[in-house]
Amino acid sequence: MMNTDSRAEEKPFTIRRATPHDAPAILACLATAFAPYREQYSAEAFADTILSPESIQQRLGEMCVFVAVSGVDVVGTIGCKISGDEGHLRGMAILATWQGSGIAPALLNSAEDYLHENACKRITLDTTRPLQRAIRFYVNHGYSASGVIHDFFGMPLFEYVKSL
């Protein structure tokens, strides 16, 4: 998928499925994107969010992970998995210098299209209170709070849902 944003000449990118070779770049993207929130997360929640070399390999094996790439650089990522007729999104991250460039909607569309093509009727995602910008983004893209709140290593984790 190519960037169709009006700033495409400034910041061209493509969306593709991640490979195991992308693991270090995905880890760097997650760590950089979530660094501003480190103090608002418990240590365990932060570690689970930014992943490790072992857990990124597990995610790549269990989920369909997409990356936004500019040149050779991974500048954004999102993962999704299927359970029956329900899809679940996890780990969306966009580098700060790329926020507002159209990557977030392109990644979300890629994940939603994949889930729709695989007969999902509903998509869930979980997010934390510090990620207010992400919450607004998801709400603006049709997600609504389900009222389900989980414990995420001592932090509330809020579920959002969207019907396909």
N, C-alpha and C. Protein backbone atom coordinates (compact mmCIF):
# COMPACT_ATOMS: atom_id res chain seq x y z
N MET A 1 0.85 -1.16 0.00
CA MET A 1 0.00 0.00 0.00
C MET A 1 0.90 1.22 0.00
N MET A 2 0.63 2.15 -0.87
CA MET A 2 1.42 3.37 -0.95
C MET A 2 0.71 4.49 -0.19
N ASN A 3 1.48 5.42 0.27
CA ASN A 3 0.97 6.61 0.93
C ASN A 3 0.24 7.47 -0.09
N THR A 4 -1.02 7.78 0.19
CA THR A 4 -1.78 8.65 -0.70
C THR A 4 -1.98 10.02 -0.06
N ASP A 5 -1.34 10.26 1.05
CA ASP A 5 -1.41 11.52 1.75
C ASP A 5 -0.80 12.61 0.86
N SER A 6 -1.28 13.83 1.00
CA SER A 6 -0.78 14.92 0.17
C SER A 6 0.69 15.21 0.41
N ARG A 7 1.24 14.73 1.53
CA ARG A 7 2.65 14.94 1.82
C ARG A 7 3.49 13.78 1.33
N ALA A 8 2.97 12.99 0.40
CA ALA A 8 3.65 11.77 -0.05
C ALA A 8 5.05 12.06 -0.57
N GLU A 9 5.24 13.22 -1.24
CA GLU A 9 6.56 13.53 -1.75
C GLU A 9 7.55 13.76 -0.61
N GLU A 10 7.07 14.31 0.49
CA GLU A 10 7.92 14.55 1.65
C GLU A 10 8.28 13.26 2.35
N LYS A 11 7.29 12.41 2.57
CA LYS A 11 7.47 11.22 3.39
C LYS A 11 6.80 10.01 2.74
N PRO A 12 7.40 9.46 1.71
CA PRO A 12 6.81 8.27 1.10
C PRO A 12 7.00 7.04 2.00
N PHE A 13 6.01 6.16 1.98
CA PHE A 13 6.11 4.92 2.74
C PHE A 13 5.27 3.86 2.07
N THR A 14 5.56 2.63 2.41
CA THR A 14 4.75 1.50 1.97
C THR A 14 4.38 0.69 3.22
N ILE A 15 3.29 -0.05 3.11
CA ILE A 15 2.87 -0.96 4.16
C ILE A 15 3.05 -2.37 3.61
N ARG A 16 3.67 -3.22 4.40
CA ARG A 16 3.85 -4.61 4.00
C ARG A 16 3.82 -5.49 5.24
N ARG A 17 3.69 -6.78 5.00
CA ARG A 17 3.75 -7.73 6.09
C ARG A 17 5.18 -7.85 6.60
N ALA A 18 5.32 -7.90 7.90
CA ALA A 18 6.65 -8.02 8.50
C ALA A 18 7.19 -9.43 8.32
N THR A 19 8.50 -9.53 8.32
CA THR A 19 9.20 -10.81 8.30
C THR A 19 10.07 -10.89 9.56
N PRO A 20 10.56 -12.06 9.90
CA PRO A 20 11.46 -12.16 11.06
C PRO A 20 12.67 -11.23 10.95
N HIS A 21 13.10 -10.93 9.74
CA HIS A 21 14.22 -10.00 9.52
C HIS A 21 13.90 -8.59 10.06
N ASP A 22 12.62 -8.24 10.13
CA ASP A 22 12.21 -6.91 10.60
C ASP A 22 12.22 -6.79 12.12
N ALA A 23 12.41 -7.89 12.84
CA ALA A 23 12.27 -7.88 14.30
C ALA A 23 13.07 -6.78 15.00
N PRO A 24 14.37 -6.60 14.72
CA PRO A 24 15.10 -5.53 15.41
C PRO A 24 14.52 -4.14 15.14
N ALA A 25 14.09 -3.89 13.92
CA ALA A 25 13.53 -2.59 13.57
C ALA A 25 12.17 -2.37 14.23
N ILE A 26 11.37 -3.43 14.36
CA ILE A 26 10.09 -3.33 15.05
C ILE A 26 10.32 -3.03 16.52
N LEU A 27 11.28 -3.72 17.13
CA LEU A 27 11.62 -3.44 18.53
C LEU A 27 12.05 -2.00 18.72
N ALA A 28 12.87 -1.49 17.82
CA ALA A 28 13.33 -0.10 17.92
C ALA A 28 12.16 0.87 17.77
N CYS A 29 11.25 0.57 16.85
CA CYS A 29 10.08 1.42 16.64
C CYS A 29 9.20 1.45 17.89
N LEU A 30 8.92 0.28 18.46
CA LEU A 30 8.09 0.21 19.67
C LEU A 30 8.76 0.96 20.82
N ALA A 31 10.05 0.72 21.03
CA ALA A 31 10.76 1.37 22.14
C ALA A 31 10.76 2.88 21.99
N THR A 32 11.00 3.37 20.79
CA THR A 32 11.06 4.80 20.54
C THR A 32 9.67 5.44 20.67
N ALA A 33 8.67 4.80 20.08
CA ALA A 33 7.32 5.37 20.10
C ALA A 33 6.73 5.41 21.51
N PHE A 34 7.04 4.41 22.33
CA PHE A 34 6.45 4.37 23.67
C PHE A 34 7.33 5.02 24.74
N ALA A 35 8.55 5.42 24.41
CA ALA A 35 9.45 6.03 25.39
C ALA A 35 8.83 7.20 26.15
N PRO A 36 8.07 8.08 25.49
CA PRO A 36 7.49 9.21 26.24
C PRO A 36 6.50 8.79 27.34
N TYR A 37 6.03 7.56 27.28
CA TYR A 37 5.03 7.08 28.25
C TYR A 37 5.64 6.20 29.34
N ARG A 38 6.93 5.99 29.31
CA ARG A 38 7.60 5.05 30.22
C ARG A 38 7.25 5.31 31.68
N GLU A 39 7.26 6.54 32.11
CA GLU A 39 7.00 6.86 33.52
C GLU A 39 5.55 6.65 33.92
N GLN A 40 4.65 6.58 32.94
CA GLN A 40 3.23 6.39 33.23
C GLN A 40 2.83 4.91 33.22
N TYR A 41 3.75 4.04 32.90
CA TYR A 41 3.52 2.60 32.84
C TYR A 41 4.24 1.92 34.01
N SER A 42 3.67 0.82 34.47
CA SER A 42 4.43 -0.01 35.40
C SER A 42 5.59 -0.62 34.59
N ALA A 43 6.65 -1.02 35.28
CA ALA A 43 7.81 -1.58 34.59
C ALA A 43 7.42 -2.80 33.76
N GLU A 44 6.56 -3.65 34.32
CA GLU A 44 6.15 -4.87 33.61
C GLU A 44 5.29 -4.54 32.39
N ALA A 45 4.38 -3.57 32.54
CA ALA A 45 3.53 -3.19 31.42
C ALA A 45 4.37 -2.58 30.30
N PHE A 46 5.34 -1.77 30.66
CA PHE A 46 6.18 -1.16 29.64
C PHE A 46 6.98 -2.24 28.90
N ALA A 47 7.56 -3.18 29.63
CA ALA A 47 8.33 -4.25 29.01
C ALA A 47 7.45 -5.09 28.08
N ASP A 48 6.20 -5.34 28.49
CA ASP A 48 5.29 -6.12 27.65
C ASP A 48 4.87 -5.34 26.41
N THR A 49 4.87 -4.04 26.49
CA THR A 49 4.48 -3.19 25.37
C THR A 49 5.59 -3.07 24.34
N ILE A 50 6.82 -2.88 24.79
CA ILE A 50 7.91 -2.67 23.83
C ILE A 50 8.57 -3.97 23.39
N LEU A 51 8.23 -5.07 24.05
CA LEU A 51 8.69 -6.40 23.68
C LEU A 51 10.20 -6.60 23.92
N SER A 52 10.62 -7.81 23.67
CA SER A 52 12.02 -8.22 23.79
C SER A 52 12.37 -9.00 22.53
N PRO A 53 13.64 -9.32 22.32
CA PRO A 53 13.99 -10.12 21.14
C PRO A 53 13.23 -11.46 21.11
N GLU A 54 12.97 -12.04 22.27
CA GLU A 54 12.23 -13.30 22.31
C GLU A 54 10.74 -13.07 22.03
N SER A 55 10.15 -12.07 22.68
CA SER A 55 8.70 -11.88 22.51
C SER A 55 8.33 -11.33 21.14
N ILE A 56 9.22 -10.61 20.47
CA ILE A 56 8.89 -10.17 19.11
C ILE A 56 8.85 -11.38 18.18
N GLN A 57 9.73 -12.34 18.39
CA GLN A 57 9.68 -13.55 17.55
C GLN A 57 8.38 -14.31 17.80
N GLN A 58 7.95 -14.35 19.06
CA GLN A 58 6.68 -15.01 19.38
C GLN A 58 5.53 -14.28 18.70
N ARG A 59 5.53 -12.95 18.77
CA ARG A 59 4.46 -12.18 18.13
C ARG A 59 4.45 -12.42 16.62
N LEU A 60 5.61 -12.42 16.00
CA LEU A 60 5.68 -12.65 14.55
C LEU A 60 5.17 -14.04 14.19
N GLY A 61 5.31 -15.00 15.10
CA GLY A 61 4.83 -16.35 14.85
C GLY A 61 3.33 -16.51 15.09
N GLU A 62 2.77 -15.71 16.00
CA GLU A 62 1.36 -15.86 16.38
C GLU A 62 0.44 -14.86 15.72
N MET A 63 0.99 -13.78 15.21
CA MET A 63 0.16 -12.70 14.68
C MET A 63 0.60 -12.34 13.26
N CYS A 64 -0.29 -11.67 12.58
CA CYS A 64 0.07 -11.03 11.32
C CYS A 64 0.53 -9.63 11.69
N VAL A 65 1.78 -9.33 11.45
CA VAL A 65 2.34 -8.04 11.80
C VAL A 65 2.63 -7.27 10.52
N PHE A 66 2.17 -6.04 10.50
CA PHE A 66 2.43 -5.15 9.37
C PHE A 66 3.43 -4.09 9.79
N VAL A 67 4.23 -3.64 8.84
CA VAL A 67 5.15 -2.54 9.07
C VAL A 67 4.96 -1.48 8.00
N ALA A 68 5.17 -0.24 8.42
CA ALA A 68 5.26 0.87 7.48
C ALA A 68 6.75 1.11 7.28
N VAL A 69 7.15 1.16 6.01
CA VAL A 69 8.56 1.26 5.69
C VAL A 69 8.78 2.47 4.79
N SER A 70 9.81 3.24 5.13
CA SER A 70 10.27 4.33 4.27
C SER A 70 11.72 4.04 3.94
N GLY A 71 12.00 3.80 2.68
CA GLY A 71 13.34 3.36 2.31
C GLY A 71 13.56 1.99 2.93
N VAL A 72 14.56 1.90 3.81
CA VAL A 72 14.82 0.64 4.52
C VAL A 72 14.40 0.72 5.98
N ASP A 73 13.83 1.86 6.39
CA ASP A 73 13.50 2.08 7.80
C ASP A 73 12.06 1.71 8.12
N VAL A 74 11.87 0.94 9.20
CA VAL A 74 10.53 0.68 9.73
C VAL A 74 10.15 1.90 10.56
N VAL A 75 9.04 2.55 10.18
CA VAL A 75 8.62 3.78 10.85
C VAL A 75 7.27 3.62 11.55
N GLY A 76 6.68 2.43 11.43
CA GLY A 76 5.43 2.14 12.11
C GLY A 76 5.13 0.66 12.05
N THR A 77 4.27 0.20 12.97
CA THR A 77 3.92 -1.22 13.01
C THR A 77 2.57 -1.42 13.68
N ILE A 78 1.94 -2.54 13.37
CA ILE A 78 0.72 -3.00 14.04
C ILE A 78 0.64 -4.51 13.87
N GLY A 79 0.10 -5.18 14.88
CA GLY A 79 -0.11 -6.61 14.79
C GLY A 79 -1.58 -6.94 14.93
N CYS A 80 -1.98 -8.08 14.37
CA CYS A 80 -3.36 -8.53 14.53
C CYS A 80 -3.39 -10.04 14.54
N LYS A 81 -4.39 -10.57 15.25
CA LYS A 81 -4.56 -12.02 15.28
C LYS A 81 -6.04 -12.34 15.22
N ILE A 82 -6.31 -13.58 14.89
CA ILE A 82 -7.69 -14.04 14.69
C ILE A 82 -7.98 -15.14 15.70
N SER A 83 -9.16 -15.05 16.33
CA SER A 83 -9.66 -16.09 17.20
C SER A 83 -11.13 -16.29 16.85
N GLY A 84 -11.42 -17.35 16.10
CA GLY A 84 -12.78 -17.57 15.63
C GLY A 84 -13.16 -16.48 14.64
N ASP A 85 -14.26 -15.78 14.94
CA ASP A 85 -14.68 -14.69 14.05
C ASP A 85 -14.35 -13.32 14.64
N GLU A 86 -13.40 -13.31 15.59
CA GLU A 86 -12.99 -12.05 16.21
C GLU A 86 -11.51 -11.80 15.95
N GLY A 87 -11.20 -10.58 15.59
CA GLY A 87 -9.81 -10.16 15.42
C GLY A 87 -9.38 -9.31 16.59
N HIS A 88 -8.10 -9.26 16.83
CA HIS A 88 -7.57 -8.44 17.91
C HIS A 88 -6.34 -7.70 17.40
N LEU A 89 -6.28 -6.40 17.67
CA LEU A 89 -5.14 -5.56 17.29
C LEU A 89 -4.22 -5.39 18.48
N ARG A 90 -2.94 -5.30 18.19
CA ARG A 90 -1.97 -5.11 19.27
C ARG A 90 -0.72 -4.43 18.73
N GLY A 91 -0.14 -3.57 19.54
CA GLY A 91 1.19 -3.04 19.24
C GLY A 91 1.28 -2.05 18.12
N MET A 92 0.29 -1.14 18.00
CA MET A 92 0.45 -0.09 16.99
C MET A 92 1.43 0.94 17.53
N ALA A 93 2.39 1.28 16.71
CA ALA A 93 3.37 2.30 17.07
C ALA A 93 3.81 3.01 15.80
N ILE A 94 3.92 4.32 15.90
CA ILE A 94 4.40 5.16 14.81
C ILE A 94 5.50 6.05 15.39
N LEU A 95 6.63 6.13 14.72
CA LEU A 95 7.68 7.04 15.18
C LEU A 95 7.14 8.47 15.20
N ALA A 96 7.53 9.24 16.19
CA ALA A 96 7.00 10.60 16.38
C ALA A 96 7.16 11.46 15.14
N THR A 97 8.28 11.36 14.46
CA THR A 97 8.51 12.19 13.27
C THR A 97 7.61 11.81 12.10
N TRP A 98 6.92 10.69 12.21
CA TRP A 98 6.02 10.22 11.16
C TRP A 98 4.56 10.35 11.53
N GLN A 99 4.28 10.75 12.76
CA GLN A 99 2.88 10.90 13.16
C GLN A 99 2.25 12.02 12.35
N GLY A 100 1.03 11.80 11.91
CA GLY A 100 0.33 12.77 11.07
C GLY A 100 0.63 12.62 9.58
N SER A 101 1.42 11.61 9.21
CA SER A 101 1.80 11.43 7.80
C SER A 101 0.90 10.45 7.06
N GLY A 102 -0.12 9.91 7.74
CA GLY A 102 -1.01 8.95 7.10
C GLY A 102 -0.66 7.50 7.39
N ILE A 103 0.41 7.27 8.15
CA ILE A 103 0.82 5.89 8.44
C ILE A 103 -0.20 5.19 9.33
N ALA A 104 -0.65 5.84 10.38
CA ALA A 104 -1.58 5.17 11.31
C ALA A 104 -2.83 4.67 10.61
N PRO A 105 -3.53 5.51 9.83
CA PRO A 105 -4.70 4.98 9.12
C PRO A 105 -4.35 3.87 8.13
N ALA A 106 -3.20 3.98 7.47
CA ALA A 106 -2.80 2.96 6.50
C ALA A 106 -2.52 1.62 7.20
N LEU A 107 -1.84 1.66 8.34
CA LEU A 107 -1.59 0.43 9.10
C LEU A 107 -2.91 -0.16 9.61
N LEU A 108 -3.76 0.70 10.17
CA LEU A 108 -5.04 0.22 10.69
C LEU A 108 -5.87 -0.41 9.57
N ASN A 109 -5.92 0.24 8.41
CA ASN A 109 -6.67 -0.31 7.27
C ASN A 109 -6.11 -1.65 6.83
N SER A 110 -4.79 -1.78 6.82
CA SER A 110 -4.18 -3.05 6.42
C SER A 110 -4.58 -4.17 7.38
N ALA A 111 -4.52 -3.89 8.67
CA ALA A 111 -4.90 -4.90 9.67
C ALA A 111 -6.39 -5.22 9.57
N GLU A 112 -7.22 -4.20 9.47
CA GLU A 112 -8.67 -4.43 9.37
C GLU A 112 -9.01 -5.20 8.10
N ASP A 113 -8.38 -4.86 6.98
CA ASP A 113 -8.62 -5.59 5.73
C ASP A 113 -8.24 -7.07 5.89
N TYR A 114 -7.10 -7.32 6.50
CA TYR A 114 -6.66 -8.70 6.73
C TYR A 114 -7.68 -9.44 7.59
N LEU A 115 -8.15 -8.82 8.66
CA LEU A 115 -9.13 -9.47 9.54
C LEU A 115 -10.45 -9.70 8.81
N HIS A 116 -10.90 -8.72 8.03
CA HIS A 116 -12.14 -8.86 7.26
C HIS A 116 -12.02 -9.99 6.24
N GLU A 117 -10.89 -10.05 5.55
CA GLU A 117 -10.67 -11.12 4.56
C GLU A 117 -10.66 -12.50 5.20
N ASN A 118 -10.39 -12.54 6.50
CA ASN A 118 -10.36 -13.81 7.23
C ASN A 118 -11.62 -14.02 8.07
N ALA A 119 -12.72 -13.41 7.62
CA ALA A 119 -14.07 -13.63 8.15
C ALA A 119 -14.30 -13.15 9.58
N CYS A 120 -13.49 -12.19 10.03
CA CYS A 120 -13.76 -11.62 11.35
C CYS A 120 -14.97 -10.69 11.26
N LYS A 121 -15.80 -10.76 12.27
CA LYS A 121 -16.99 -9.91 12.33
C LYS A 121 -16.84 -8.77 13.33
N ARG A 122 -15.83 -8.90 14.19
CA ARG A 122 -15.62 -7.91 15.24
C ARG A 122 -14.12 -7.82 15.51
N ILE A 123 -13.67 -6.61 15.84
CA ILE A 123 -12.26 -6.39 16.17
C ILE A 123 -12.20 -5.76 17.56
N THR A 124 -11.26 -6.26 18.36
CA THR A 124 -11.01 -5.66 19.67
C THR A 124 -9.58 -5.13 19.71
N LEU A 125 -9.36 -4.21 20.60
CA LEU A 125 -8.02 -3.73 20.91
C LEU A 125 -8.05 -3.26 22.35
N ASP A 126 -6.91 -3.22 22.97
CA ASP A 126 -6.79 -2.74 24.34
C ASP A 126 -5.81 -1.59 24.37
N THR A 127 -6.09 -0.62 25.22
CA THR A 127 -5.19 0.51 25.35
C THR A 127 -5.19 1.02 26.78
N THR A 128 -4.22 1.84 27.08
CA THR A 128 -4.06 2.37 28.43
C THR A 128 -4.42 3.85 28.48
N ARG A 129 -4.71 4.33 29.66
CA ARG A 129 -5.12 5.71 29.86
C ARG A 129 -4.10 6.73 29.33
N PRO A 130 -2.79 6.51 29.48
CA PRO A 130 -1.85 7.53 28.97
C PRO A 130 -1.92 7.77 27.46
N LEU A 131 -2.46 6.82 26.72
CA LEU A 131 -2.46 6.92 25.26
C LEU A 131 -3.71 7.62 24.74
N GLN A 132 -3.96 8.82 25.21
CA GLN A 132 -5.16 9.57 24.83
C GLN A 132 -5.22 9.87 23.34
N ARG A 133 -4.09 10.17 22.73
CA ARG A 133 -4.09 10.44 21.28
C ARG A 133 -4.50 9.19 20.51
N ALA A 134 -4.00 8.03 20.95
CA ALA A 134 -4.37 6.77 20.30
C ALA A 134 -5.85 6.48 20.50
N ILE A 135 -6.36 6.74 21.69
CA ILE A 135 -7.78 6.51 21.96
C ILE A 135 -8.63 7.37 21.03
N ARG A 136 -8.29 8.64 20.89
CA ARG A 136 -9.04 9.52 19.96
C ARG A 136 -8.97 8.98 18.54
N PHE A 137 -7.79 8.52 18.13
CA PHE A 137 -7.62 7.96 16.79
C PHE A 137 -8.55 6.77 16.59
N TYR A 138 -8.56 5.83 17.54
CA TYR A 138 -9.40 4.65 17.40
C TYR A 138 -10.88 5.02 17.39
N VAL A 139 -11.30 5.91 18.25
CA VAL A 139 -12.70 6.35 18.28
C VAL A 139 -13.07 6.99 16.94
N ASN A 140 -12.18 7.81 16.40
CA ASN A 140 -12.43 8.44 15.10
C ASN A 140 -12.48 7.43 13.96
N HIS A 141 -11.98 6.23 14.19
CA HIS A 141 -12.00 5.18 13.17
C HIS A 141 -13.01 4.07 13.50
N GLY A 142 -14.02 4.42 14.31
CA GLY A 142 -15.16 3.52 14.51
C GLY A 142 -15.11 2.61 15.71
N TYR A 143 -14.10 2.73 16.54
CA TYR A 143 -14.00 1.89 17.74
C TYR A 143 -14.72 2.58 18.89
N SER A 144 -15.30 1.78 19.77
CA SER A 144 -15.95 2.34 20.96
C SER A 144 -15.57 1.52 22.18
N ALA A 145 -15.56 2.18 23.32
CA ALA A 145 -15.23 1.50 24.57
C ALA A 145 -16.28 0.44 24.85
N SER A 146 -15.84 -0.74 25.19
CA SER A 146 -16.77 -1.84 25.48
C SER A 146 -17.18 -1.84 26.95
N GLY A 147 -16.44 -1.13 27.78
CA GLY A 147 -16.69 -1.16 29.22
C GLY A 147 -15.87 -2.22 29.93
N VAL A 148 -15.19 -3.08 29.17
CA VAL A 148 -14.34 -4.11 29.76
C VAL A 148 -13.00 -3.48 30.10
N ILE A 149 -12.57 -3.69 31.33
CA ILE A 149 -11.28 -3.19 31.80
C ILE A 149 -10.53 -4.37 32.41
N HIS A 150 -9.32 -4.61 31.92
CA HIS A 150 -8.46 -5.67 32.42
C HIS A 150 -7.34 -5.06 33.24
N ASP A 151 -6.70 -5.90 34.04
CA ASP A 151 -5.50 -5.49 34.75
C ASP A 151 -4.30 -5.78 33.85
N PHE A 152 -3.50 -4.77 33.60
CA PHE A 152 -2.31 -4.89 32.75
C PHE A 152 -1.10 -4.57 33.61
N PHE A 153 -0.65 -5.57 34.36
CA PHE A 153 0.49 -5.39 35.24
C PHE A 153 0.32 -4.19 36.16
N GLY A 154 -0.87 -4.12 36.77
CA GLY A 154 -1.14 -3.05 37.72
C GLY A 154 -1.73 -1.80 37.13
N MET A 155 -1.97 -1.79 35.83
CA MET A 155 -2.57 -0.64 35.14
C MET A 155 -3.91 -1.05 34.56
N PRO A 156 -4.89 -0.13 34.50
CA PRO A 156 -6.12 -0.47 33.80
C PRO A 156 -5.88 -0.52 32.29
N LEU A 157 -6.42 -1.56 31.67
CA LEU A 157 -6.33 -1.76 30.22
C LEU A 157 -7.75 -1.75 29.68
N PHE A 158 -8.06 -0.77 28.85
CA PHE A 158 -9.42 -0.53 28.37
C PHE A 158 -9.62 -1.19 27.01
N GLU A 159 -10.70 -1.96 26.90
CA GLU A 159 -11.02 -2.62 25.63
C GLU A 159 -11.88 -1.71 24.76
N TYR A 160 -11.55 -1.67 23.48
CA TYR A 160 -12.34 -0.98 22.46
C TYR A 160 -12.72 -2.00 21.41
N VAL A 161 -13.90 -1.81 20.80
CA VAL A 161 -14.41 -2.77 19.83
C VAL A 161 -14.96 -2.06 18.60
N LYS A 162 -14.96 -2.82 17.50
CA LYS A 162 -15.54 -2.34 16.24
C LYS A 162 -16.13 -3.54 15.53
N SER A 163 -17.33 -3.38 15.02
CA SER A 163 -17.95 -4.43 14.21
C SER A 163 -17.56 -4.23 12.76
N LEU A 164 -17.34 -5.34 12.08
CA LEU A 164 -17.01 -5.26 10.64
C LEU A 164 -18.26 -5.55 9.82
